[in-house]
Amino acid sequence: MGAIYEFGVARNVRVVKARIKGTAHSALDRLWGAFGATFHRRPAQSVYGVPMVPNFADKTFRYCLYGTYGKYFSDYLDRIDYDFTFIDIGANQGLYSLVAARNPHCRKIIAFEPVKRTFDFLSANVELNGASERSVLLNAALSDHAGTAQIAVKANHSGVASLAGHSGMEGQPTETITLMDAAGLDEHIPEDLPIIVKIDVEGHEGVVIAELAKSAHFAKVRAVFHEMDERWAEAPKIRKMLVEGGFSKFRKFGIRRHYDILAER
């Protein structure tokens, strides 16, 4: 019953709340003109406890601001009591990188965000939170080869940008992005720290996890937190890949076909 309430009721309430507040802020921008724009340049305090550069027109920003994602992974990051590297694959505007940076045990952050406008917000948020010196921000996507690709983007919802070409993104504009493989990633990973990974790549999870497994540092990965949407990702295949990679403990957060998984060794 707890899971049904959290993911069937409470999460939907948070989504509606984010939509209402975002609409209100956009309306105030139009009403107040230059004053509203000046007001919204002030940092906005997310319910996750980190300030963020305002981007109210974007649905993903509103989800970060008002806590739509729940607290299970942010609480997990806060509780880590050993020194670690955090790899944020599909960082968007950097919510979880900022939460990780708040933990004094987080010694290094490596964040991937391929879409240029979103990457600019990521960079600004990391600087705002004083985490620039221990962060490597990569305007790229982790994939199975180095090069370039076209990614589908949606103007008002940065979190659905997709390399996978899943349904719902047909006809959306595209942007040329940089791709990086495991060899490129390995150049940035410290030799002596355990690793926590977050993956949110809209259907590209299988490719990312397979490439991550090629990393020379994969054995140091203690946990992989990843989004799963069964409309365009093969959950059994991805779980099998992680099991073969040495992960034995799996926790599911969510119900129905769209949920999150925390895999641990």
C-alpha atoms as a PDB file:
ATOM      1  CA  MET A   1       0.000   0.000   0.000  1.00  0.00           C
ATOM      2  CA  GLY A   2       2.890   2.371   0.732  1.00  0.00           C
ATOM      3  CA  ALA A   3       4.236   2.045  -2.808  1.00  0.00           C
ATOM      4  CA  ILE A   4       0.783   2.511  -4.319  1.00  0.00           C
ATOM      5  CA  TYR A   5       0.285   5.703  -2.316  1.00  0.00           C
ATOM      6  CA  GLU A   6       3.765   7.084  -3.067  1.00  0.00           C
ATOM      7  CA  PHE A   7       3.808   6.362  -6.793  1.00  0.00           C
ATOM      8  CA  GLY A   8       0.124   6.241  -7.650  1.00  0.00           C
ATOM      9  CA  VAL A   9      -1.066   9.207  -5.589  1.00  0.00           C
ATOM     10  CA  ALA A  10       1.694  11.318  -4.047  1.00  0.00           C
ATOM     11  CA  ARG A  11       3.847  11.450  -7.188  1.00  0.00           C
ATOM     12  CA  ASN A  12       0.866  12.495  -9.299  1.00  0.00           C
ATOM     13  CA  VAL A  13       0.073  15.226  -6.794  1.00  0.00           C
ATOM     14  CA  ARG A  14       3.645  16.497  -7.095  1.00  0.00           C
ATOM     15  CA  VAL A  15       3.366  16.502 -10.906  1.00  0.00           C
ATOM     16  CA  VAL A  16       0.152  18.541 -10.761  1.00  0.00           C
ATOM     17  CA  LYS A  17       1.707  20.902  -8.222  1.00  0.00           C
ATOM     18  CA  ALA A  18       4.701  21.456 -10.495  1.00  0.00           C
ATOM     19  CA  ARG A  19       2.407  22.153 -13.455  1.00  0.00           C
ATOM     20  CA  ILE A  20       0.299  24.655 -11.519  1.00  0.00           C
ATOM     21  CA  LYS A  21       3.272  26.503 -10.044  1.00  0.00           C
ATOM     22  CA  GLY A  22       5.083  26.551 -13.373  1.00  0.00           C
ATOM     23  CA  THR A  23       2.026  27.986 -15.127  1.00  0.00           C
ATOM     24  CA  ALA A  24       1.704  30.627 -12.423  1.00  0.00           C
ATOM     25  CA  HIS A  25       5.350  31.650 -12.748  1.00  0.00           C
ATOM     26  CA  SER A  26       5.075  31.866 -16.553  1.00  0.00           C
ATOM     27  CA  ALA A  27       1.945  34.011 -16.240  1.00  0.00           C
ATOM     28  CA  LEU A  28       3.714  36.335 -13.805  1.00  0.00           C
ATOM     29  CA  ASP A  29       6.607  36.647 -16.235  1.00  0.00           C
ATOM     30  CA  ARG A  30       4.236  37.839 -18.938  1.00  0.00           C
ATOM     31  CA  LEU A  31       2.346  40.122 -16.557  1.00  0.00           C
ATOM     32  CA  TRP A  32       5.368  41.698 -14.927  1.00  0.00           C
ATOM     33  CA  GLY A  33       7.498  42.014 -18.034  1.00  0.00           C
ATOM     34  CA  ALA A  34      11.046  43.150 -17.286  1.00  0.00           C
ATOM     35  CA  PHE A  35      10.448  43.072 -13.525  1.00  0.00           C
ATOM     36  CA  GLY A  36       9.322  39.464 -13.697  1.00  0.00           C
ATOM     37  CA  ALA A  37      12.375  38.520 -15.737  1.00  0.00           C
ATOM     38  CA  THR A  38      14.636  40.208 -13.179  1.00  0.00           C
ATOM     39  CA  PHE A  39      12.845  38.464 -10.312  1.00  0.00           C
ATOM     40  CA  HIS A  40      13.254  35.066 -11.940  1.00  0.00           C
ATOM     41  CA  ARG A  41      16.985  35.488 -12.374  1.00  0.00           C
ATOM     42  CA  ARG A  42      17.295  34.945  -8.644  1.00  0.00           C
ATOM     43  CA  PRO A  43      18.283  31.382  -7.663  1.00  0.00           C
ATOM     44  CA  ALA A  44      15.320  29.141  -6.880  1.00  0.00           C
ATOM     45  CA  GLN A  45      15.559  26.826  -3.869  1.00  0.00           C
ATOM     46  CA  SER A  46      14.625  23.265  -4.777  1.00  0.00           C
ATOM     47  CA  VAL A  47      12.791  21.134  -2.230  1.00  0.00           C
ATOM     48  CA  TYR A  48      15.853  18.868  -2.466  1.00  0.00           C
ATOM     49  CA  GLY A  49      17.776  21.580  -0.617  1.00  0.00           C
ATOM     50  CA  VAL A  50      19.933  22.890  -3.467  1.00  0.00           C
ATOM     51  CA  PRO A  51      19.585  26.247  -5.261  1.00  0.00           C
ATOM     52  CA  MET A  52      19.090  26.193  -9.035  1.00  0.00           C
ATOM     53  CA  VAL A  53      19.193  28.773 -11.800  1.00  0.00           C
ATOM     54  CA  PRO A  54      15.562  29.574 -12.747  1.00  0.00           C
ATOM     55  CA  ASN A  55      14.190  27.916 -15.889  1.00  0.00           C
ATOM     56  CA  PHE A  56      10.451  27.956 -15.183  1.00  0.00           C
ATOM     57  CA  ALA A  57       9.373  27.355 -18.780  1.00  0.00           C
ATOM     58  CA  ASP A  58      10.948  23.899 -18.613  1.00  0.00           C
ATOM     59  CA  LYS A  59       8.909  21.050 -17.125  1.00  0.00           C
ATOM     60  CA  THR A  60      11.993  19.163 -15.946  1.00  0.00           C
ATOM     61  CA  PHE A  61      13.203  22.196 -13.990  1.00  0.00           C
ATOM     62  CA  ARG A  62       9.821  22.430 -12.284  1.00  0.00           C
ATOM     63  CA  TYR A  63      10.020  18.728 -11.396  1.00  0.00           C
ATOM     64  CA  CYS A  64      13.434  19.361  -9.830  1.00  0.00           C
ATOM     65  CA  LEU A  65      12.202  22.435  -8.005  1.00  0.00           C
ATOM     66  CA  TYR A  66       9.034  20.958  -6.512  1.00  0.00           C
ATOM     67  CA  GLY A  67      10.187  17.414  -5.723  1.00  0.00           C
ATOM     68  CA  THR A  68       8.305  15.425  -8.349  1.00  0.00           C
ATOM     69  CA  TYR A  69      10.987  12.723  -8.397  1.00  0.00           C
ATOM     70  CA  GLY A  70      10.587  11.813  -4.743  1.00  0.00           C
ATOM     71  CA  LYS A  71      13.373  11.653  -2.180  1.00  0.00           C
ATOM     72  CA  TYR A  72      14.570   8.042  -2.344  1.00  0.00           C
ATOM     73  CA  PHE A  73      17.706   8.622  -4.426  1.00  0.00           C
ATOM     74  CA  SER A  74      18.574  12.014  -2.956  1.00  0.00           C
ATOM     75  CA  ASP A  75      18.314  10.446   0.516  1.00  0.00           C
ATOM     76  CA  TYR A  76      20.556   7.602  -0.656  1.00  0.00           C
ATOM     77  CA  LEU A  77      23.206  10.067  -1.833  1.00  0.00           C
ATOM     78  CA  ASP A  78      23.009  11.996   1.433  1.00  0.00           C
ATOM     79  CA  ARG A  79      23.596   8.820   3.458  1.00  0.00           C
ATOM     80  CA  ILE A  80      26.792   7.671   1.714  1.00  0.00           C
ATOM     81  CA  ASP A  81      29.477   7.668   4.397  1.00  0.00           C
ATOM     82  CA  TYR A  82      32.575   6.803   2.337  1.00  0.00           C
ATOM     83  CA  ASP A  83      34.522   8.827  -0.236  1.00  0.00           C
ATOM     84  CA  PHE A  84      33.147   8.304  -3.737  1.00  0.00           C
ATOM     85  CA  THR A  85      32.970   9.491  -7.348  1.00  0.00           C
ATOM     86  CA  PHE A  86      29.536  10.313  -8.725  1.00  0.00           C
ATOM     87  CA  ILE A  87      28.895   9.750 -12.445  1.00  0.00           C
ATOM     88  CA  ASP A  88      25.719  11.451 -13.660  1.00  0.00           C
ATOM     89  CA  ILE A  89      24.771  10.182 -17.129  1.00  0.00           C
ATOM     90  CA  GLY A  90      21.954  12.296 -18.502  1.00  0.00           C
ATOM     91  CA  ALA A  91      22.484  14.982 -15.876  1.00  0.00           C
ATOM     92  CA  ASN A  92      20.017  17.479 -17.346  1.00  0.00           C
ATOM     93  CA  GLN A  93      20.241  20.639 -15.192  1.00  0.00           C
ATOM     94  CA  GLY A  94      22.204  18.774 -12.551  1.00  0.00           C
ATOM     95  CA  LEU A  95      19.825  18.041  -9.686  1.00  0.00           C
ATOM     96  CA  TYR A  96      21.489  14.821  -8.545  1.00  0.00           C
ATOM     97  CA  SER A  97      25.003  16.142  -9.178  1.00  0.00           C
ATOM     98  CA  LEU A  98      24.155  19.030  -6.854  1.00  0.00           C
ATOM     99  CA  VAL A  99      22.752  16.678  -4.217  1.00  0.00           C
ATOM    100  CA  ALA A 100      25.853  14.469  -4.468  1.00  0.00           C
ATOM    101  CA  ALA A 101      28.095  17.529  -4.173  1.00  0.00           C
ATOM    102  CA  ARG A 102      26.388  18.423  -0.906  1.00  0.00           C
ATOM    103  CA  ASN A 103      27.792  15.234   0.628  1.00  0.00           C
ATOM    104  CA  PRO A 104      31.361  15.968   1.824  1.00  0.00           C
ATOM    105  CA  HIS A 105      32.337  12.399   0.885  1.00  0.00           C
ATOM    106  CA  CYS A 106      31.706  13.131  -2.807  1.00  0.00           C
ATOM    107  CA  ARG A 107      35.216  13.799  -4.067  1.00  0.00           C
ATOM    108  CA  LYS A 108      34.491  14.045  -7.782  1.00  0.00           C
ATOM    109  CA  ILE A 109      31.503  14.490 -10.081  1.00  0.00           C
ATOM    110  CA  ILE A 110      31.490  13.502 -13.752  1.00  0.00           C
ATOM    111  CA  ALA A 111      28.307  14.704 -15.439  1.00  0.00           C
ATOM    112  CA  PHE A 112      27.166  14.040 -19.013  1.00  0.00           C
ATOM    113  CA  GLU A 113      24.602  16.309 -20.669  1.00  0.00           C
ATOM    114  CA  PRO A 114      24.596  16.407 -24.481  1.00  0.00           C
ATOM    115  CA  VAL A 115      22.034  19.152 -25.241  1.00  0.00           C
ATOM    116  CA  LYS A 116      23.798  22.517 -25.308  1.00  0.00           C
ATOM    117  CA  ARG A 117      21.111  24.696 -23.722  1.00  0.00           C
ATOM    118  CA  THR A 118      20.538  22.178 -20.919  1.00  0.00           C
ATOM    119  CA  PHE A 119      24.292  21.818 -20.456  1.00  0.00           C
ATOM    120  CA  ASP A 120      24.550  25.583 -19.934  1.00  0.00           C
ATOM    121  CA  PHE A 121      22.051  25.327 -17.066  1.00  0.00           C
ATOM    122  CA  LEU A 122      23.998  22.365 -15.645  1.00  0.00           C
ATOM    123  CA  SER A 123      27.211  24.392 -15.689  1.00  0.00           C
ATOM    124  CA  ALA A 124      25.544  27.397 -14.078  1.00  0.00           C
ATOM    125  CA  ASN A 125      23.972  25.253 -11.349  1.00  0.00           C
ATOM    126  CA  VAL A 126      27.245  23.504 -10.496  1.00  0.00           C
ATOM    127  CA  GLU A 127      28.944  26.902 -10.217  1.00  0.00           C
ATOM    128  CA  LEU A 128      26.055  28.289  -8.137  1.00  0.00           C
ATOM    129  CA  ASN A 129      26.491  25.412  -5.670  1.00  0.00           C
ATOM    130  CA  GLY A 130      30.257  25.842  -5.391  1.00  0.00           C
ATOM    131  CA  ALA A 131      31.052  22.446  -6.919  1.00  0.00           C
ATOM    132  CA  SER A 132      32.969  23.478 -10.050  1.00  0.00           C
ATOM    133  CA  GLU A 133      36.444  22.556  -8.793  1.00  0.00           C
ATOM    134  CA  ARG A 134      35.569  18.902  -8.208  1.00  0.00           C
ATOM    135  CA  SER A 135      33.297  18.509 -11.249  1.00  0.00           C
ATOM    136  CA  VAL A 136      33.996  17.414 -14.813  1.00  0.00           C
ATOM    137  CA  LEU A 137      31.089  18.537 -16.984  1.00  0.00           C
ATOM    138  CA  LEU A 138      30.896  16.863 -20.385  1.00  0.00           C
ATOM    139  CA  ASN A 139      28.703  18.315 -23.128  1.00  0.00           C
ATOM    140  CA  ALA A 140      28.301  14.816 -24.551  1.00  0.00           C
ATOM    141  CA  ALA A 141      26.326  11.588 -24.321  1.00  0.00           C
ATOM    142  CA  LEU A 142      27.848   8.279 -23.253  1.00  0.00           C
ATOM    143  CA  SER A 143      27.284   5.759 -26.041  1.00  0.00           C
ATOM    144  CA  ASP A 144      28.837   2.736 -27.732  1.00  0.00           C
ATOM    145  CA  HIS A 145      31.159   4.779 -29.949  1.00  0.00           C
ATOM    146  CA  ALA A 146      32.761   8.200 -30.126  1.00  0.00           C
ATOM    147  CA  GLY A 147      31.470  10.621 -32.733  1.00  0.00           C
ATOM    148  CA  THR A 148      28.293  12.603 -33.281  1.00  0.00           C
ATOM    149  CA  ALA A 149      24.571  11.883 -33.501  1.00  0.00           C
ATOM    150  CA  GLN A 150      21.219  13.597 -33.748  1.00  0.00           C
ATOM    151  CA  ILE A 151      19.155  13.852 -30.564  1.00  0.00           C
ATOM    152  CA  ALA A 152      15.446  14.695 -30.467  1.00  0.00           C
ATOM    153  CA  VAL A 153      14.662  17.634 -28.178  1.00  0.00           C
ATOM    154  CA  LYS A 154      11.485  19.216 -26.851  1.00  0.00           C
ATOM    155  CA  ALA A 155      11.517  22.933 -26.117  1.00  0.00           C
ATOM    156  CA  ASN A 156       9.509  22.885 -22.882  1.00  0.00           C
ATOM    157  CA  HIS A 157      10.650  19.534 -21.443  1.00  0.00           C
ATOM    158  CA  SER A 158      14.417  19.025 -21.506  1.00  0.00           C
ATOM    159  CA  GLY A 159      14.135  15.704 -19.695  1.00  0.00           C
ATOM    160  CA  VAL A 160      12.659  13.857 -22.680  1.00  0.00           C
ATOM    161  CA  ALA A 161      15.555  14.529 -25.078  1.00  0.00           C
ATOM    162  CA  SER A 162      16.235  11.129 -26.635  1.00  0.00           C
ATOM    163  CA  LEU A 163      18.783   9.308 -28.775  1.00  0.00           C
ATOM    164  CA  ALA A 164      16.585   6.228 -28.770  1.00  0.00           C
ATOM    165  CA  GLY A 165      13.896   7.615 -31.066  1.00  0.00           C
ATOM    166  CA  HIS A 166      11.091   6.415 -28.822  1.00  0.00           C
ATOM    167  CA  SER A 167       7.421   7.154 -29.357  1.00  0.00           C
ATOM    168  CA  GLY A 168       6.261  10.602 -28.406  1.00  0.00           C
ATOM    169  CA  MET A 169       9.317  12.319 -29.882  1.00  0.00           C
ATOM    170  CA  GLU A 170       8.458  11.852 -33.553  1.00  0.00           C
ATOM    171  CA  GLY A 171       8.593  15.135 -35.422  1.00  0.00           C
ATOM    172  CA  GLN A 172      10.452  16.983 -32.671  1.00  0.00           C
ATOM    173  CA  PRO A 173      13.458  19.093 -33.712  1.00  0.00           C
ATOM    174  CA  THR A 174      16.891  17.538 -33.452  1.00  0.00           C
ATOM    175  CA  GLU A 175      20.337  18.761 -32.406  1.00  0.00           C
ATOM    176  CA  THR A 176      23.751  17.429 -33.326  1.00  0.00           C
ATOM    177  CA  ILE A 177      25.540  16.211 -30.208  1.00  0.00           C
ATOM    178  CA  THR A 178      28.888  14.681 -29.272  1.00  0.00           C
ATOM    179  CA  LEU A 179      29.132  11.005 -28.335  1.00  0.00           C
ATOM    180  CA  MET A 180      31.773   9.631 -25.953  1.00  0.00           C
ATOM    181  CA  ASP A 181      32.636   5.982 -25.336  1.00  0.00           C
ATOM    182  CA  ALA A 182      34.034   4.200 -22.271  1.00  0.00           C
ATOM    183  CA  ALA A 183      37.623   5.053 -23.201  1.00  0.00           C
ATOM    184  CA  GLY A 184      36.753   8.752 -23.124  1.00  0.00           C
ATOM    185  CA  LEU A 185      34.984   8.365 -19.803  1.00  0.00           C
ATOM    186  CA  ASP A 186      37.933   6.530 -18.263  1.00  0.00           C
ATOM    187  CA  GLU A 187      40.169   9.553 -18.779  1.00  0.00           C
ATOM    188  CA  HIS A 188      38.205  11.384 -16.071  1.00  0.00           C
ATOM    189  CA  ILE A 189      37.665   8.674 -13.421  1.00  0.00           C
ATOM    190  CA  PRO A 190      39.941   8.708 -10.347  1.00  0.00           C
ATOM    191  CA  GLU A 191      41.857   5.508  -9.698  1.00  0.00           C
ATOM    192  CA  ASP A 192      41.197   5.172  -5.988  1.00  0.00           C
ATOM    193  CA  LEU A 193      37.491   5.833  -5.323  1.00  0.00           C
ATOM    194  CA  PRO A 194      34.322   3.715  -5.421  1.00  0.00           C
ATOM    195  CA  ILE A 195      31.741   4.923  -7.915  1.00  0.00           C
ATOM    196  CA  ILE A 196      28.011   5.671  -7.772  1.00  0.00           C
ATOM    197  CA  VAL A 197      26.261   6.007 -11.150  1.00  0.00           C
ATOM    198  CA  LYS A 198      22.950   7.624 -12.097  1.00  0.00           C
ATOM    199  CA  ILE A 199      21.517   7.008 -15.577  1.00  0.00           C
ATOM    200  CA  ASP A 200      18.547   8.838 -17.090  1.00  0.00           C
ATOM    201  CA  VAL A 201      18.779   8.639 -20.874  1.00  0.00           C
ATOM    202  CA  GLU A 202      15.233   8.079 -22.157  1.00  0.00           C
ATOM    203  CA  GLY A 203      15.471   4.613 -23.648  1.00  0.00           C
ATOM    204  CA  HIS A 204      19.250   4.515 -24.228  1.00  0.00           C
ATOM    205  CA  GLU A 205      19.894   2.779 -20.884  1.00  0.00           C
ATOM    206  CA  GLY A 206      20.888  -0.597 -22.336  1.00  0.00           C
ATOM    207  CA  VAL A 207      23.541   0.959 -24.565  1.00  0.00           C
ATOM    208  CA  VAL A 208      24.900   3.077 -21.706  1.00  0.00           C
ATOM    209  CA  ILE A 209      25.107   0.193 -19.238  1.00  0.00           C
ATOM    210  CA  ALA A 210      26.807  -2.051 -21.807  1.00  0.00           C
ATOM    211  CA  GLU A 211      29.364   0.687 -22.485  1.00  0.00           C
ATOM    212  CA  LEU A 212      29.837   1.385 -18.785  1.00  0.00           C
ATOM    213  CA  ALA A 213      30.675  -2.303 -18.332  1.00  0.00           C
ATOM    214  CA  LYS A 214      33.621  -1.818 -20.721  1.00  0.00           C
ATOM    215  CA  SER A 215      35.158   0.800 -18.438  1.00  0.00           C
ATOM    216  CA  ALA A 216      38.448  -0.116 -16.788  1.00  0.00           C
ATOM    217  CA  HIS A 217      36.842   1.137 -13.560  1.00  0.00           C
ATOM    218  CA  PHE A 218      33.590  -0.837 -13.754  1.00  0.00           C
ATOM    219  CA  ALA A 219      34.532  -3.132 -10.865  1.00  0.00           C
ATOM    220  CA  LYS A 220      34.546  -0.069  -8.583  1.00  0.00           C
ATOM    221  CA  VAL A 221      30.923   0.797  -9.362  1.00  0.00           C
ATOM    222  CA  ARG A 222      28.975   0.075  -6.171  1.00  0.00           C
ATOM    223  CA  ALA A 223      25.527   1.216  -7.324  1.00  0.00           C
ATOM    224  CA  VAL A 224      23.687   2.067 -10.531  1.00  0.00           C
ATOM    225  CA  PHE A 225      20.475   4.074 -10.208  1.00  0.00           C
ATOM    226  CA  HIS A 226      18.582   4.161 -13.494  1.00  0.00           C
ATOM    227  CA  GLU A 227      15.231   5.164 -14.891  1.00  0.00           C
ATOM    228  CA  MET A 228      13.193   2.449 -16.571  1.00  0.00           C
ATOM    229  CA  ASP A 229      10.294   2.934 -18.960  1.00  0.00           C
ATOM    230  CA  GLU A 230       9.068  -0.353 -20.354  1.00  0.00           C
ATOM    231  CA  ARG A 231       7.529   1.376 -23.373  1.00  0.00           C
ATOM    232  CA  TRP A 232      11.000   1.730 -24.908  1.00  0.00           C
ATOM    233  CA  ALA A 233      13.483  -0.143 -22.688  1.00  0.00           C
ATOM    234  CA  GLU A 234      13.863  -3.904 -22.147  1.00  0.00           C
ATOM    235  CA  ALA A 235      13.825  -4.294 -18.370  1.00  0.00           C
ATOM    236  CA  PRO A 236      14.754  -8.031 -18.250  1.00  0.00           C
ATOM    237  CA  LYS A 237      17.683  -7.501 -20.632  1.00  0.00           C
ATOM    238  CA  ILE A 238      19.035  -4.577 -18.616  1.00  0.00           C
ATOM    239  CA  ARG A 239      18.681  -6.462 -15.333  1.00  0.00           C
ATOM    240  CA  LYS A 240      20.520  -9.451 -16.874  1.00  0.00           C
ATOM    241  CA  MET A 241      23.379  -7.157 -17.931  1.00  0.00           C
ATOM    242  CA  LEU A 242      23.687  -5.807 -14.403  1.00  0.00           C
ATOM    243  CA  VAL A 243      23.536  -9.276 -12.822  1.00  0.00           C
ATOM    244  CA  GLU A 244      26.286 -10.436 -15.164  1.00  0.00           C
ATOM    245  CA  GLY A 245      28.237  -7.354 -14.090  1.00  0.00           C
ATOM    246  CA  GLY A 246      28.118  -8.447 -10.446  1.00  0.00           C
ATOM    247  CA  PHE A 247      25.033  -6.618  -9.153  1.00  0.00           C
ATOM    248  CA  SER A 248      22.846  -8.720  -6.888  1.00  0.00           C
ATOM    249  CA  LYS A 249      20.570  -6.327  -4.984  1.00  0.00           C
ATOM    250  CA  PHE A 250      17.769  -4.530  -6.809  1.00  0.00           C
ATOM    251  CA  ARG A 251      15.264  -2.052  -5.409  1.00  0.00           C
ATOM    252  CA  LYS A 252      12.348  -0.759  -7.443  1.00  0.00           C
ATOM    253  CA  PHE A 253      10.823   2.669  -6.887  1.00  0.00           C
ATOM    254  CA  GLY A 254       7.545   3.123  -8.698  1.00  0.00           C
ATOM    255  CA  ILE A 255       4.664   1.163 -10.134  1.00  0.00           C
ATOM    256  CA  ARG A 256       3.318   0.329 -13.565  1.00  0.00           C
ATOM    257  CA  ARG A 257       5.632   0.684 -16.575  1.00  0.00           C
ATOM    258  CA  HIS A 258       7.670   3.783 -15.596  1.00  0.00           C
ATOM    259  CA  TYR A 259       9.849   3.445 -12.490  1.00  0.00           C
ATOM    260  CA  ASP A 260      13.406   3.660 -11.134  1.00  0.00           C
ATOM    261  CA  ILE A 261      15.802   0.876 -10.167  1.00  0.00           C
ATOM    262  CA  LEU A 262      18.687   1.003  -7.704  1.00  0.00           C
ATOM    263  CA  ALA A 263      21.110  -1.856  -8.421  1.00  0.00           C
ATOM    264  CA  GLU A 264      23.880  -2.545  -5.888  1.00  0.00           C
ATOM    265  CA  ARG A 265      26.699  -5.075  -5.670  1.00  0.00           C
END
